[in-house]
């Protein structure tokens, strides 16, 4: 019955909506990070010189461990801790109900009671004696969901005023040290809405049914992988059938050509399409085009030269008769001159 209730609650629960995430910090991280769920985590710009950053991604023995109860293990590979109480200032916007999600995972101690600390809004404790190992063990995420109201510049948790919780429009979230080692944190998310609007139910279900969730996700991934491989095979089959059909058509044309011209044997080598699409065929096609263009240019230049020569010849032939007529006229004058002198001499004698 309990599992049935959880499943029903999970069915009506909503995943964390990235659009309603107002502020997200990947504590201790030097760069921004976008989670698989679409949440954009900013890099940590904490300037307190007495705090220390631990980057477990540089330790292969730790980074190779599976971090339980989360789909974004990268958040838990960096942390910020201190040997004293330290704080984060989280900007608040308009009045309303908010949920602050604090992300913890114990990456060092494996025994409960080794690290215990408090979480405070201003002077008001909102989580007391937080012991992550006691709650979830080592290498496991422990996300704390804290709902509060922001009204008239003040913060209320469980209808209790949190004194000094707001300074300059920012929530003062303090990690208070105890005698049991040092406080620390891995991630911070400020969500616009109450806890019932977050993924709290889904997270609780994941913690209680981790092995089942992992197995279901593995099965889902395997099914998706098989679907992709089957779709890939089907695409290959469609391409193969299409190519075979084209080759058959091309081969039929080749056979008809062979029947029409029996003197030239035709060999089947995959058809005209495969020849053209091959690298050699493509290169040959470009060479043929280049040679054809050069021959065409030569023919065009020859035609233009011939036209020019023809025009020059016409001009020469038109000018030659005019030059030949002039000598003839001169010769006719010479021939006519003796006649005139003879006639004049005869007239004198008479």
Protein backbone atom coordinates (compact mmCIF):
# COMPACT_ATOMS: atom_id res chain seq x y z
CA UNK A 1 0.00 0.00 0.00
CA UNK A 2 2.82 2.40 0.84
CA UNK A 3 4.52 1.79 -2.52
CA UNK A 4 1.19 2.25 -4.29
CA UNK A 5 0.70 5.57 -2.50
CA UNK A 6 4.19 6.70 -3.52
CA UNK A 7 3.59 5.73 -7.15
CA UNK A 8 0.26 7.63 -7.17
CA UNK A 9 1.91 10.67 -5.59
CA UNK A 10 4.74 10.49 -8.12
CA UNK A 11 2.27 10.33 -10.99
CA UNK A 12 0.75 13.64 -9.86
CA UNK A 13 4.11 15.24 -8.98
CA UNK A 14 5.85 17.65 -11.34
CA UNK A 15 9.51 17.58 -12.32
CA UNK A 16 11.56 20.63 -11.42
CA UNK A 17 10.70 23.29 -13.99
CA UNK A 18 13.91 25.03 -15.16
CA UNK A 19 11.93 28.18 -16.03
CA UNK A 20 11.00 28.62 -12.35
CA UNK A 21 14.58 28.26 -11.12
CA UNK A 22 15.61 31.79 -10.12
CA UNK A 23 19.08 31.08 -8.80
CA UNK A 24 21.38 28.05 -9.02
CA UNK A 25 25.00 27.72 -7.88
CA UNK A 26 27.35 24.80 -8.43
CA UNK A 27 29.29 25.31 -5.19
CA UNK A 28 33.05 25.13 -5.57
CA UNK A 29 32.87 24.84 -9.37
CA UNK A 30 35.03 27.16 -11.53
CA UNK A 31 32.65 27.11 -14.52
CA UNK A 32 28.94 27.06 -15.36
CA UNK A 33 27.07 23.78 -15.74
CA UNK A 34 23.78 22.82 -17.38
CA UNK A 35 22.12 19.76 -15.87
CA UNK A 36 20.33 17.05 -17.92
CA UNK A 37 17.03 18.49 -16.67
CA UNK A 38 17.92 21.89 -18.18
CA UNK A 39 18.86 23.80 -15.00
CA UNK A 40 21.66 26.31 -15.59
CA UNK A 41 24.06 26.31 -12.62
CA UNK A 42 26.38 29.30 -12.32
CA UNK A 43 29.97 28.95 -11.21
CA UNK A 44 30.78 29.68 -7.57
CA UNK A 45 31.91 33.27 -6.98
CA UNK A 46 32.15 32.99 -3.19
CA UNK A 47 34.84 35.45 -2.06
CA UNK A 48 35.21 34.44 1.59
CA UNK A 49 38.97 33.77 1.94
CA UNK A 50 38.41 31.43 4.90
CA UNK A 51 36.42 28.95 2.81
CA UNK A 52 38.01 26.07 0.91
CA UNK A 53 37.08 24.41 -2.41
CA UNK A 54 37.33 20.63 -2.82
CA UNK A 55 37.26 19.23 -6.38
CA UNK A 56 36.69 15.47 -6.23
CA UNK A 57 36.71 15.18 -10.02
CA UNK A 58 40.53 15.31 -9.76
CA UNK A 59 40.52 12.18 -7.57
CA UNK A 60 39.88 9.14 -9.77
CA UNK A 61 39.04 6.91 -6.80
CA UNK A 62 36.22 9.26 -5.76
CA UNK A 63 35.03 10.44 -9.19
CA UNK A 64 34.62 6.83 -10.36
CA UNK A 65 32.10 6.15 -7.59
CA UNK A 66 28.41 6.14 -8.46
CA UNK A 67 26.56 8.86 -6.56
CA UNK A 68 23.12 7.54 -5.64
CA UNK A 69 19.76 9.32 -5.71
CA UNK A 70 20.60 11.82 -8.42
CA UNK A 71 20.61 12.24 -12.21
CA UNK A 72 23.17 15.06 -12.05
CA UNK A 73 26.21 13.63 -10.19
CA UNK A 74 28.48 16.38 -11.55
CA UNK A 75 27.03 18.80 -8.97
CA UNK A 76 28.39 16.69 -6.11
CA UNK A 77 31.96 16.44 -7.43
CA UNK A 78 32.82 19.94 -6.18
CA UNK A 79 32.10 21.44 -2.76
CA UNK A 80 32.85 24.44 -0.61
CA UNK A 81 33.58 24.01 3.11
CA UNK A 82 35.12 26.00 5.92
CA UNK A 83 36.68 25.53 9.36
CA UNK A 84 34.10 27.97 10.72
CA UNK A 85 30.54 29.10 10.06
CA UNK A 86 30.18 30.60 6.57
CA UNK A 87 27.30 31.90 4.49
CA UNK A 88 25.85 32.46 1.01
CA UNK A 89 23.83 35.52 -0.02
CA UNK A 90 20.93 34.52 -2.29
CA UNK A 91 19.11 37.32 -4.15
CA UNK A 92 15.35 37.50 -3.64
CA UNK A 93 12.93 39.10 -6.09
CA UNK A 94 9.28 39.90 -5.50
CA UNK A 95 7.29 38.75 -2.50
CA UNK A 96 5.93 35.21 -2.52
CA UNK A 97 6.57 31.59 -1.60
CA UNK A 98 9.94 30.05 -2.39
CA UNK A 99 11.72 26.74 -1.93
CA UNK A 100 15.43 26.63 -1.27
CA UNK A 101 17.02 23.32 -2.33
CA UNK A 102 20.38 22.64 -0.70
CA UNK A 103 22.45 19.79 -2.17
CA UNK A 104 24.78 17.70 -0.01
CA UNK A 105 26.73 14.46 -0.42
CA UNK A 106 29.35 13.00 1.91
CA UNK A 107 32.45 12.23 -0.17
CA UNK A 108 34.96 11.87 2.69
CA UNK A 109 33.54 10.27 5.86
CA UNK A 110 31.85 6.89 5.82
CA UNK A 111 30.68 6.81 9.44
CA UNK A 112 27.78 8.77 10.89
CA UNK A 113 28.49 11.37 13.58
CA UNK A 114 31.77 12.46 12.00
CA UNK A 115 30.33 15.60 10.36
CA UNK A 116 27.33 17.41 11.86
CA UNK A 117 26.27 21.06 11.31
CA UNK A 118 23.24 23.38 11.23
CA UNK A 119 21.60 25.44 8.47
CA UNK A 120 20.24 28.88 9.41
CA UNK A 121 18.31 31.73 7.78
CA UNK A 122 19.84 34.69 9.56
CA UNK A 123 19.67 33.74 13.24
CA UNK A 124 16.91 31.14 12.80
CA UNK A 125 17.86 27.48 12.40
CA UNK A 126 15.91 25.80 9.62
CA UNK A 127 17.83 22.46 9.74
CA UNK A 128 19.38 21.18 12.95
CA UNK A 129 22.17 18.62 13.33
CA UNK A 130 22.45 17.67 9.67
CA UNK A 131 24.35 14.37 9.38
CA UNK A 132 24.40 13.30 5.73
CA UNK A 133 25.95 9.87 6.33
CA UNK A 134 23.29 9.08 8.96
CA UNK A 135 20.54 9.96 6.47
CA UNK A 136 21.74 8.47 3.15
CA UNK A 137 25.26 7.08 3.65
CA UNK A 138 28.43 7.86 1.72
CA UNK A 139 28.47 8.72 -2.01
CA UNK A 140 24.75 9.57 -2.01
CA UNK A 141 22.94 12.83 -2.59
CA UNK A 142 20.97 14.36 0.26
CA UNK A 143 18.87 17.27 -1.03
CA UNK A 144 17.14 19.40 1.61
CA UNK A 145 13.96 21.26 0.53
CA UNK A 146 13.21 24.35 2.66
CA UNK A 147 10.01 26.26 1.93
CA UNK A 148 9.73 29.88 3.13
CA UNK A 149 7.73 33.07 2.55
CA UNK A 150 9.20 36.43 1.62
CA UNK A 151 6.84 39.18 2.79
CA UNK A 152 7.51 42.91 3.27
CA UNK A 153 11.27 42.43 3.20
CA UNK A 154 11.23 39.64 5.80
CA UNK A 155 11.53 35.86 5.65
CA UNK A 156 9.22 33.45 7.46
CA UNK A 157 9.87 29.70 7.84
CA UNK A 158 6.98 27.60 9.20
CA UNK A 159 5.27 30.91 10.09
CA UNK A 160 8.24 31.91 12.26
CA UNK A 161 10.10 35.14 11.53
CA UNK A 162 13.75 34.57 10.68
CA UNK A 163 15.61 37.46 12.29
CA UNK A 164 18.32 39.10 10.19
CA UNK A 165 17.55 36.71 7.34
CA UNK A 166 17.40 39.47 4.70
CA UNK A 167 20.14 42.01 4.04
CA UNK A 168 20.08 44.29 0.99
CA UNK A 169 17.38 42.15 -0.63
CA UNK A 170 19.38 38.94 -0.20
CA UNK A 171 18.68 35.87 1.90
CA UNK A 172 21.47 35.16 4.39
CA UNK A 173 21.87 31.38 4.39
CA UNK A 174 24.40 30.31 7.05
CA UNK A 175 26.13 26.93 7.46
CA UNK A 176 26.85 26.80 11.18
CA UNK A 177 29.83 24.83 12.44
CA UNK A 178 29.63 22.43 15.39
CA UNK A 179 32.34 20.47 17.18
CA UNK A 180 31.85 17.66 14.65
CA UNK A 181 34.10 18.69 11.78
CA UNK A 182 33.32 21.34 9.15
CA UNK A 183 30.13 22.49 7.39
CA UNK A 184 30.03 22.14 3.60
CA UNK A 185 27.69 22.35 0.60
CA UNK A 186 27.63 21.19 -3.05
CA UNK A 187 24.77 23.07 -4.69
CA UNK A 188 22.06 25.69 -4.14
CA UNK A 189 18.79 26.11 -6.07
CA UNK A 190 16.20 28.83 -5.41
CA UNK A 191 12.80 27.85 -6.83
CA UNK A 192 9.77 30.12 -7.30
CA UNK A 193 6.98 28.16 -5.69
CA UNK A 194 6.12 25.93 -2.77
CA UNK A 195 7.61 22.52 -2.09
CA UNK A 196 4.61 20.80 -3.65
CA UNK A 197 5.53 22.46 -6.99
CA UNK A 198 9.07 21.04 -6.98
CA UNK A 199 10.37 17.54 -7.68
CA UNK A 200 10.34 16.69 -3.97
CA UNK A 201 8.03 13.67 -4.38
CA UNK A 202 10.07 12.33 -7.26
CA UNK A 203 13.26 12.68 -5.22
CA UNK A 204 11.76 10.83 -2.25
CA UNK A 205 10.57 8.05 -4.54
CA UNK A 206 14.03 7.82 -6.08
CA UNK A 207 15.66 7.43 -2.66
CA UNK A 208 13.25 4.71 -1.55
CA UNK A 209 13.33 2.79 -4.86
CA UNK A 210 16.84 3.51 -6.12
CA UNK A 211 17.63 0.03 -7.39
CA UNK A 212 14.29 -0.20 -9.15
CA UNK A 213 14.76 3.25 -10.70
CA UNK A 214 18.25 2.36 -11.92
CA UNK A 215 17.05 -0.92 -13.43
CA UNK A 216 14.11 0.81 -15.12
CA UNK A 217 16.40 3.47 -16.57
CA UNK A 218 18.83 0.82 -17.81
CA UNK A 219 15.97 -1.06 -19.48
CA UNK A 220 14.71 2.20 -20.99
CA UNK A 221 18.18 3.05 -22.32
CA UNK A 222 18.52 -0.45 -23.79
CA UNK A 223 15.11 -0.19 -25.49
CA UNK A 224 16.04 3.21 -26.93
CA UNK A 225 19.36 1.82 -28.14
CA UNK A 226 17.64 -1.11 -29.84
CA UNK A 227 15.12 1.21 -31.48
CA UNK A 228 17.90 3.37 -32.86
CA UNK A 229 19.83 0.35 -34.17
CA UNK A 230 16.69 -1.10 -35.77
CA UNK A 231 15.86 2.23 -37.38
CA UNK A 232 19.42 2.43 -38.69
CA UNK A 233 19.16 -1.09 -40.19
CA UNK A 234 15.83 -0.20 -41.82
CA UNK A 235 17.34 2.90 -43.39
CA UNK A 236 20.19 0.80 -44.77
CA UNK A 237 17.71 -1.73 -46.18
CA UNK A 238 15.70 1.01 -47.88
CA UNK A 239 18.84 2.45 -49.44
CA UNK A 240 19.98 -1.01 -50.54
CA UNK A 241 16.64 -1.85 -52.17
CA UNK A 242 16.57 1.51 -53.92
CA UNK A 243 20.11 1.05 -55.26
CA UNK A 244 19.37 -2.51 -56.41
CA UNK A 245 16.30 -1.28 -58.29
CA UNK A 246 18.30 1.41 -60.05
CA UNK A 247 21.01 -1.06 -61.00
CA UNK A 248 18.41 -3.43 -62.46
CA UNK A 249 16.95 -0.65 -64.60
CA UNK A 250 20.39 0.44 -65.77
CA UNK A 251 21.35 -3.15 -66.55
CA UNK A 252 18.19 -3.53 -68.66
CA UNK A 253 19.26 -0.55 -70.74
CA UNK A 254 22.69 -2.08 -71.13
CA UNK A 255 21.21 -5.38 -72.29
CA UNK A 256 19.01 -3.59 -74.86
CA UNK A 257 22.06 -1.75 -76.19
CA UNK A 258 23.90 -5.03 -76.44
CA UNK A 259 21.07 -6.63 -78.38
CA UNK A 260 20.90 -3.69 -80.79
CA UNK A 261 24.66 -3.61 -81.38
CA UNK A 262 26.05 -7.15 -81.13
CA UNK A 263 29.45 -6.09 -82.50
CA UNK A 264 30.35 -4.23 -79.31
CA UNK A 265 30.11 -6.35 -76.15
CA UNK A 266 28.67 -4.68 -73.05
CA UNK A 267 29.94 -5.54 -69.59
CA UNK A 268 27.85 -5.01 -66.46
CA UNK A 269 29.75 -3.18 -63.74
CA UNK A 270 27.06 -1.77 -61.53
CA UNK A 271 25.34 0.45 -64.09
CA UNK A 272 25.80 4.00 -65.33
CA UNK A 273 24.74 5.54 -62.03
CA UNK A 274 27.47 3.80 -60.04
CA UNK A 275 30.05 4.75 -62.67
CA UNK A 276 29.10 8.43 -62.54
CA UNK A 277 28.95 8.53 -58.76
CA UNK A 278 32.34 6.82 -58.39
CA UNK A 279 35.40 9.06 -57.86
CA UNK A 280 36.93 8.06 -61.21
CA UNK A 281 33.65 8.71 -63.04
CA UNK A 282 33.27 12.10 -61.39
CA UNK A 283 36.84 13.07 -62.26
CA UNK A 284 36.32 11.90 -65.86
CA UNK A 285 33.15 13.91 -66.13
CA UNK A 286 34.88 17.11 -65.00
CA UNK A 287 37.80 16.47 -67.39
CA UNK A 288 35.38 15.91 -70.29
CA UNK A 289 33.56 19.11 -69.46
CA UNK A 290 36.85 21.03 -69.30
CA UNK A 291 38.08 19.60 -72.64
CA UNK A 292 34.72 20.27 -74.26
CA UNK A 293 34.72 23.87 -73.09
CA UNK A 294 38.26 24.44 -74.38
CA UNK A 295 37.36 22.95 -77.78
CA UNK A 296 34.22 25.09 -77.92
CA UNK A 297 36.26 28.22 -77.13
CA UNK A 298 38.70 27.37 -79.94
CA UNK A 299 35.85 26.87 -82.41
CA UNK A 300 34.25 30.15 -81.40
CA UNK A 301 37.54 32.02 -81.74
CA UNK A 302 38.14 30.41 -85.14
CA UNK A 303 34.70 31.47 -86.32
CA UNK A 304 35.25 35.03 -85.12
CA UNK A 305 38.67 35.14 -86.85
CA UNK A 306 37.12 33.83 -90.06
CA UNK A 307 34.45 36.50 -89.95
CA UNK A 308 37.07 39.22 -89.49
CA UNK A 309 39.13 37.88 -92.39
CA UNK A 310 36.01 37.76 -94.58
CA UNK A 311 35.23 41.38 -93.86
CA UNK A 312 38.81 42.42 -94.65
CA UNK A 313 38.65 40.51 -97.96
CA UNK A 314 35.45 42.26 -98.95
CA UNK A 315 37.01 45.63 -98.22
CA UNK A 316 40.08 44.77 -100.31
CA UNK A 317 37.99 43.54 -103.23
CA UNK A 318 35.90 46.71 -103.20
CA UNK A 319 38.94 48.96 -103.20
CA UNK A 320 40.90 47.14 -105.96
CA UNK A 321 38.71 48.06 -109.01
CA UNK A 322 38.91 51.77 -108.22
CA UNK A 323 42.71 51.56 -108.21
CA UNK A 324 42.79 49.63 -111.54
CA UNK A 325 40.47 52.08 -113.37
CA UNK A 326 42.88 54.97 -112.95
CA UNK A 327 45.73 53.42 -114.99
CA UNK A 328 43.28 52.46 -117.72
CA UNK A 329 42.04 56.02 -118.01
CA UNK A 330 45.62 57.28 -118.20
CA UNK A 331 46.48 54.73 -120.90
CA UNK A 332 43.36 55.76 -122.84
CA UNK A 333 44.47 59.37 -122.69
CA UNK A 334 47.90 58.37 -124.04
CA UNK A 335 46.29 56.48 -126.85
CA UNK A 336 44.00 59.38 -127.69
CA UNK A 337 46.80 61.98 -127.71
CA UNK A 338 48.56 60.69 -130.90
CA UNK A 339 45.28 60.69 -132.76
CA UNK A 340 44.67 64.30 -131.87
CA UNK A 341 48.16 65.32 -133.06
CA UNK A 342 47.73 63.43 -136.34
CA UNK A 343 44.44 65.13 -137.01
CA UNK A 344 45.97 68.53 -136.30
CA UNK A 345 48.88 67.88 -138.68
CA UNK A 346 46.53 66.85 -141.47
CA UNK A 347 44.52 70.01 -141.02
CA UNK A 348 47.65 72.17 -141.38
CA UNK A 349 48.69 70.44 -144.57
CA UNK A 350 45.34 71.09 -146.10
